[in-house]
Protein backbone atom coordinates (compact mmCIF):
# COMPACT_ATOMS: atom_id res chain seq x y z
CA UNK A 1 -23.06 -8.31 64.09
CA UNK A 2 -25.92 -7.01 62.74
CA UNK A 3 -26.12 -6.36 58.80
CA UNK A 4 -26.17 -2.78 58.25
CA UNK A 5 -29.41 -1.52 56.78
CA UNK A 6 -29.24 0.15 53.24
CA UNK A 7 -30.71 3.77 52.64
CA UNK A 8 -32.95 3.81 49.99
CA UNK A 9 -33.17 7.07 47.67
CA UNK A 10 -36.79 7.87 49.24
CA UNK A 11 -35.36 7.80 52.38
CA UNK A 12 -32.93 10.58 52.05
CA UNK A 13 -33.44 14.41 52.50
CA UNK A 14 -34.32 16.45 49.87
CA UNK A 15 -31.38 18.10 49.61
CA UNK A 16 -29.53 14.85 49.45
CA UNK A 17 -31.39 13.77 46.95
CA UNK A 18 -31.01 16.81 44.75
CA UNK A 19 -27.04 16.27 45.33
CA UNK A 20 -27.46 12.49 44.11
CA UNK A 21 -29.11 13.47 40.82
CA UNK A 22 -26.90 15.99 40.21
CA UNK A 23 -24.34 13.92 40.35
CA UNK A 24 -26.08 11.21 38.20
CA UNK A 25 -26.23 13.96 35.60
CA UNK A 26 -23.14 14.71 35.63
CA UNK A 27 -22.07 11.16 35.20
CA UNK A 28 -24.35 11.05 32.22
CA UNK A 29 -23.28 13.77 30.69
CA UNK A 30 -19.54 12.59 30.96
CA UNK A 31 -20.72 9.39 29.12
CA UNK A 32 -22.14 10.95 26.70
CA UNK A 33 -18.99 13.31 25.90
CA UNK A 34 -16.84 9.89 26.13
CA UNK A 35 -18.98 8.59 23.46
CA UNK A 36 -19.19 11.50 21.15
CA UNK A 37 -15.00 11.82 21.44
CA UNK A 38 -15.18 7.94 20.69
CA UNK A 39 -16.96 8.38 17.94
CA UNK A 40 -15.57 11.54 16.50
CA UNK A 41 -11.87 9.35 16.67
CA UNK A 42 -13.55 6.38 14.49
CA UNK A 43 -14.93 9.18 12.18
CA UNK A 44 -11.38 10.78 11.74
CA UNK A 45 -9.58 7.28 11.55
CA UNK A 46 -12.17 6.09 8.75
CA UNK A 47 -12.38 9.35 6.87
CA UNK A 48 -8.05 9.36 6.93
CA UNK A 49 -8.27 5.73 5.95
CA UNK A 50 -10.95 6.79 3.16
CA UNK A 51 -8.76 9.65 1.89
CA UNK A 52 -5.72 7.46 1.81
CA UNK A 53 -7.44 4.66 -0.01
CA UNK A 54 -8.98 7.45 -2.73
CA UNK A 55 -5.69 8.62 -3.15
CA UNK A 56 -3.58 5.54 -3.45
CA UNK A 57 -6.13 4.54 -6.13
CA UNK A 58 -6.00 7.64 -7.92
CA UNK A 59 -2.45 7.22 -7.88
CA UNK A 60 -2.36 3.73 -9.05
CA UNK A 61 -4.76 4.72 -11.83
CA UNK A 62 -2.20 7.80 -12.55
CA UNK A 63 0.40 5.26 -13.20
CA UNK A 64 -1.96 2.72 -15.12
CA UNK A 65 -2.28 5.49 -17.42
CA UNK A 66 1.47 5.88 -17.54
CA UNK A 67 2.25 2.61 -18.51
CA UNK A 68 -0.42 2.77 -21.39
CA UNK A 69 2.17 5.76 -22.49
CA UNK A 70 4.84 3.35 -22.66
CA UNK A 71 5.17 3.06 -26.55
CA UNK A 72 3.04 6.04 -27.46
CA UNK A 73 4.19 8.69 -29.46
CA UNK A 74 2.51 11.29 -28.36
CA UNK A 75 5.50 13.04 -26.87
CA UNK A 76 7.91 11.14 -28.13
CA UNK A 77 9.14 14.25 -30.92
CA UNK A 78 12.71 14.95 -29.97
CA UNK A 79 15.09 17.79 -31.66
CA UNK A 80 17.89 16.34 -33.55
CA UNK A 81 20.81 15.03 -31.11
CA UNK A 82 18.11 15.30 -28.00
CA UNK A 83 18.28 11.84 -25.87
CA UNK A 84 21.23 11.03 -27.22
CA UNK A 85 24.63 10.52 -24.84
CA UNK A 86 28.12 9.21 -25.38
CA UNK A 87 29.87 7.50 -22.97
CA UNK A 88 33.15 7.61 -22.49
CA UNK A 89 35.10 5.23 -20.61
CA UNK A 90 38.13 4.92 -18.55
CA UNK A 91 40.03 3.06 -21.27
CA UNK A 92 39.02 5.99 -23.50
CA UNK A 93 36.25 3.88 -25.12
CA UNK A 94 33.26 5.54 -26.09
CA UNK A 95 29.64 4.14 -27.07
CA UNK A 96 26.35 6.12 -27.69
CA UNK A 97 23.39 5.65 -26.94
CA UNK A 98 19.95 6.86 -27.22
CA UNK A 99 16.70 6.99 -25.74
CA UNK A 100 14.48 4.01 -26.63
CA UNK A 101 11.39 4.97 -28.64
CA UNK A 102 8.80 3.37 -26.08
CA UNK A 103 10.06 5.57 -23.69
CA UNK A 104 10.54 8.87 -25.67
CA UNK A 105 7.00 10.28 -24.52
CA UNK A 106 7.02 9.03 -20.92
CA UNK A 107 11.03 10.77 -20.41
CA UNK A 108 9.31 13.85 -21.96
CA UNK A 109 6.15 13.89 -19.51
CA UNK A 110 8.67 13.05 -16.73
CA UNK A 111 10.50 16.32 -17.20
CA UNK A 112 13.61 14.11 -18.25
CA UNK A 113 13.98 12.54 -14.80
CA UNK A 114 12.51 9.38 -16.14
CA UNK A 115 15.48 6.58 -16.25
CA UNK A 116 13.91 2.97 -16.81
CA UNK A 117 10.57 1.27 -16.16
CA UNK A 118 10.36 -1.96 -13.58
CA UNK A 119 8.04 -4.86 -14.13
CA UNK A 120 7.77 -8.23 -12.57
CA UNK A 121 5.13 -10.57 -14.15
CA UNK A 122 2.17 -11.28 -12.23
CA UNK A 123 2.31 -9.10 -9.58
CA UNK A 124 1.26 -5.27 -8.67
CA UNK A 125 4.87 -4.31 -9.43
CA UNK A 126 4.99 -2.39 -13.01
CA UNK A 127 6.15 1.33 -12.69
CA UNK A 128 8.30 3.72 -14.28
CA UNK A 129 11.50 4.36 -12.45
CA UNK A 130 13.09 7.72 -11.72
CA UNK A 131 16.38 9.58 -10.72
CA UNK A 132 16.78 12.73 -8.62
CA UNK A 133 19.59 14.41 -7.95
CA UNK A 134 19.38 13.17 -4.63
CA UNK A 135 17.52 9.86 -2.73
CA UNK A 136 14.97 12.62 -0.93
CA UNK A 137 12.70 14.12 -3.60
CA UNK A 138 10.76 11.10 -5.22
CA UNK A 139 9.79 9.74 -1.38
CA UNK A 140 7.27 12.13 -1.99
CA UNK A 141 6.70 13.12 -5.30
CA UNK A 142 5.36 11.41 -8.45
CA UNK A 143 6.88 11.08 -11.92
CA UNK A 144 5.91 14.45 -13.21
CA UNK A 145 6.96 16.29 -10.05
CA UNK A 146 3.67 16.79 -8.08
CA UNK A 147 3.76 16.18 -4.35
CA UNK A 148 2.67 12.84 -3.64
CA UNK A 149 2.76 10.59 -0.30
CA UNK A 150 2.95 7.64 -2.42
CA UNK A 151 6.00 8.55 -3.91
CA UNK A 152 7.54 7.13 -7.46
CA UNK A 153 10.13 4.60 -7.36
CA UNK A 154 13.48 5.68 -7.87
CA UNK A 155 17.02 4.89 -8.71
CA UNK A 156 19.79 5.91 -5.87
CA UNK A 157 21.02 8.77 -7.33
CA UNK A 158 24.47 7.25 -6.94
CA UNK A 159 23.83 5.19 -10.18
CA UNK A 160 25.09 5.38 -13.43
CA UNK A 161 22.57 3.73 -15.96
CA UNK A 162 25.05 5.52 -18.97
CA UNK A 163 28.20 4.72 -18.49
CA UNK A 164 26.92 1.02 -15.86
CA UNK A 165 26.85 0.53 -12.45
CA UNK A 166 27.85 -3.13 -10.55
CA UNK A 167 24.33 -2.76 -8.65
CA UNK A 168 21.64 -0.59 -9.65
CA UNK A 169 19.51 0.04 -6.30
CA UNK A 170 15.95 0.94 -6.48
CA UNK A 171 14.11 2.26 -3.69
CA UNK A 172 10.26 2.39 -3.32
CA UNK A 173 7.65 2.80 -0.85
CA UNK A 174 5.93 -0.02 1.36
CA UNK A 175 2.16 1.19 1.08
CA UNK A 176 -0.35 -0.49 3.43
CA UNK A 177 -2.79 -0.20 0.37
CA UNK A 178 -0.55 -3.20 -1.11
CA UNK A 179 0.92 -0.50 -4.01
CA UNK A 180 4.28 0.16 -5.40
CA UNK A 181 7.23 -2.10 -3.66
CA UNK A 182 4.42 -3.51 -0.91
CA UNK A 183 4.45 -6.79 -2.53
CA UNK A 184 8.40 -7.53 -2.43
CA UNK A 185 7.68 -9.27 1.16
CA UNK A 186 5.96 -12.14 -0.65
CA UNK A 187 9.71 -12.86 -1.68
CA UNK A 188 10.53 -13.97 1.86
CA UNK A 189 8.44 -17.32 1.02
CA UNK A 190 10.62 -19.47 -1.44
CA UNK A 191 7.38 -20.59 -3.20
CA UNK A 192 6.80 -17.18 -4.12
CA UNK A 193 10.21 -16.61 -5.38
CA UNK A 194 9.94 -19.79 -7.60
CA UNK A 195 6.41 -17.92 -9.08
CA UNK A 196 8.22 -15.31 -9.85
CA UNK A 197 12.39 -15.79 -10.38
CA UNK A 198 12.62 -12.87 -12.74
CA UNK A 199 12.29 -9.10 -12.78
CA UNK A 200 12.41 -6.63 -16.16
CA UNK A 201 14.05 -3.40 -15.34
CA UNK A 202 14.47 -1.55 -18.77
CA UNK A 203 17.10 1.69 -18.44
CA UNK A 204 15.58 4.19 -21.03
CA UNK A 205 18.74 3.13 -22.73
CA UNK A 206 18.25 -0.68 -22.94
CA UNK A 207 16.16 -3.24 -21.99
CA UNK A 208 17.28 -5.70 -19.46
CA UNK A 209 15.99 -8.78 -17.72
CA UNK A 210 17.36 -10.46 -14.19
CA UNK A 211 17.29 -13.19 -12.22
CA UNK A 212 16.54 -13.32 -7.97
CA UNK A 213 19.67 -14.25 -6.14
CA UNK A 214 18.85 -13.40 -2.50
CA UNK A 215 15.80 -11.84 -0.48
CA UNK A 216 16.74 -11.02 3.13
CA UNK A 217 15.44 -8.22 5.29
CA UNK A 218 18.55 -5.97 6.79
CA UNK A 219 18.10 -2.19 8.44
CA UNK A 220 19.43 1.23 7.49
CA UNK A 221 22.55 1.64 10.20
CA UNK A 222 24.15 4.59 11.88
CA UNK A 223 26.94 5.83 10.29
CA UNK A 224 29.66 4.61 12.20
CA UNK A 225 28.20 0.80 12.64
CA UNK A 226 30.79 -1.50 11.11
CA UNK A 227 28.61 -3.90 9.78
CA UNK A 228 27.85 -4.68 6.22
CA UNK A 229 25.58 -2.02 4.39
CA UNK A 230 23.69 -3.32 1.41
CA UNK A 231 22.85 0.11 0.11
CA UNK A 232 26.41 1.14 -0.02
CA UNK A 233 27.05 -1.29 -2.36
CA UNK A 234 27.03 0.21 -6.34
CA UNK A 235 30.12 -0.40 -7.59
CA UNK A 236 33.38 -2.78 -6.31
CA UNK A 237 36.81 -1.81 -7.01
CA UNK A 238 38.00 -5.67 -7.34
CA UNK A 239 36.56 -9.07 -7.39
CA UNK A 240 37.05 -9.52 -3.99
CA UNK A 241 35.28 -6.93 -2.66
CA UNK A 242 32.23 -7.55 -4.92
CA UNK A 243 32.59 -11.71 -3.50
CA UNK A 244 32.77 -9.88 -0.47
CA UNK A 245 29.37 -8.50 -1.05
CA UNK A 246 27.51 -11.59 -2.31
CA UNK A 247 28.96 -13.54 0.62
CA UNK A 248 27.08 -10.99 3.16
CA UNK A 249 24.02 -11.41 0.86
CA UNK A 250 24.15 -14.70 0.70
CA UNK A 251 24.58 -15.35 4.74
CA UNK A 252 21.59 -13.21 5.08
CA UNK A 253 18.99 -14.75 2.59
CA UNK A 254 15.96 -16.74 3.46
CA UNK A 255 16.67 -19.37 1.10
CA UNK A 256 19.37 -20.70 -1.41
CA UNK A 257 18.11 -20.21 -5.02
CA UNK A 258 21.11 -21.52 -6.30
CA UNK A 259 21.61 -18.34 -8.56
CA UNK A 260 25.66 -17.03 -8.46
CA UNK A 261 27.30 -13.90 -9.32
CA UNK A 262 30.58 -12.87 -10.13
CA UNK A 263 32.56 -10.00 -10.72
CA UNK A 264 31.76 -8.13 -14.22
CA UNK A 265 27.78 -9.28 -13.30
CA UNK A 266 25.18 -6.67 -13.16
CA UNK A 267 22.81 -6.58 -10.30
CA UNK A 268 19.80 -5.08 -9.13
CA UNK A 269 18.26 -4.45 -5.93
CA UNK A 270 15.00 -3.23 -4.79
CA UNK A 271 14.16 -2.59 -1.34
CA UNK A 272 11.85 -1.08 0.77
CA UNK A 273 10.78 -0.30 4.24
CA UNK A 274 10.38 -3.37 6.51
CA UNK A 275 8.09 -2.76 9.96
CA UNK A 276 9.62 -5.42 12.03
CA UNK A 277 12.07 -3.46 13.51
CA UNK A 278 13.31 0.33 13.46
CA UNK A 279 14.29 1.46 10.16
CA UNK A 280 14.02 -1.70 8.70
CA UNK A 281 14.26 -2.81 5.00
CA UNK A 282 12.91 -5.72 2.94
CA UNK A 283 15.63 -6.22 -0.03
CA UNK A 284 15.46 -8.63 -3.11
CA UNK A 285 18.98 -8.61 -5.25
CA UNK A 286 18.95 -10.29 -8.92
CA UNK A 287 21.22 -10.56 -11.49
CA UNK A 288 21.02 -9.57 -15.01
CA UNK A 289 20.84 -12.66 -17.30
CA UNK A 290 19.63 -10.55 -20.63
């Protein structure tokens, strides 16, 4: 079979040559358009990251400033009786609590929404803790109530630092910038736990030191799912209920810290998003020791 002869461009008719040229011009225009679109996408993406990290940096600078205000007397002046609360318990016992001096300035600056301060030594976690009337507001607002994508650390609205709760649950964002609660996931490593076994959480009324018990992954479940939901454990009605919660957490834990708790102990739970599954959460639980 004879090989088919290829036709060169010069052998085409003038009309065919013009059609070929027009097709090549269209392809070139499409190529340039695609390049321009890709460049624009890259610029927008990098621009978005730049804005995000600039905003994150600004937010962190703001929290660094707040940390320096801890203990400041700049806005600490309160009227007589302000910042003092009386807690009455079911047995009739009454106690009087007063905001610690080191938090009075921040309490006033936060429009009286500050509820405490959380710090894990040798980590970036060193932040004020807020509390609102719901668990939504401080997902997107800072200590002063300004809109902020980074939000703030906040105590579950059902927790009570005046009368006390069996379990204080604090929520915070897991940010790609590494800020807020992003470093909590490091507790998946037992070696990291061994280097960071303690958490300091002061309420505005009393200081507190906690020892880490459990670190585990969970998620937010549908309301009709019958399963252990760590975020619903704030108070236990009995020792049996308390022990059940401890058993469920221990079963989820990455490793055994050897730290145990019994009914009457106060717990601290730190919760942040975990992106390994939909509605995933990374959780660290600690027991008050001082």
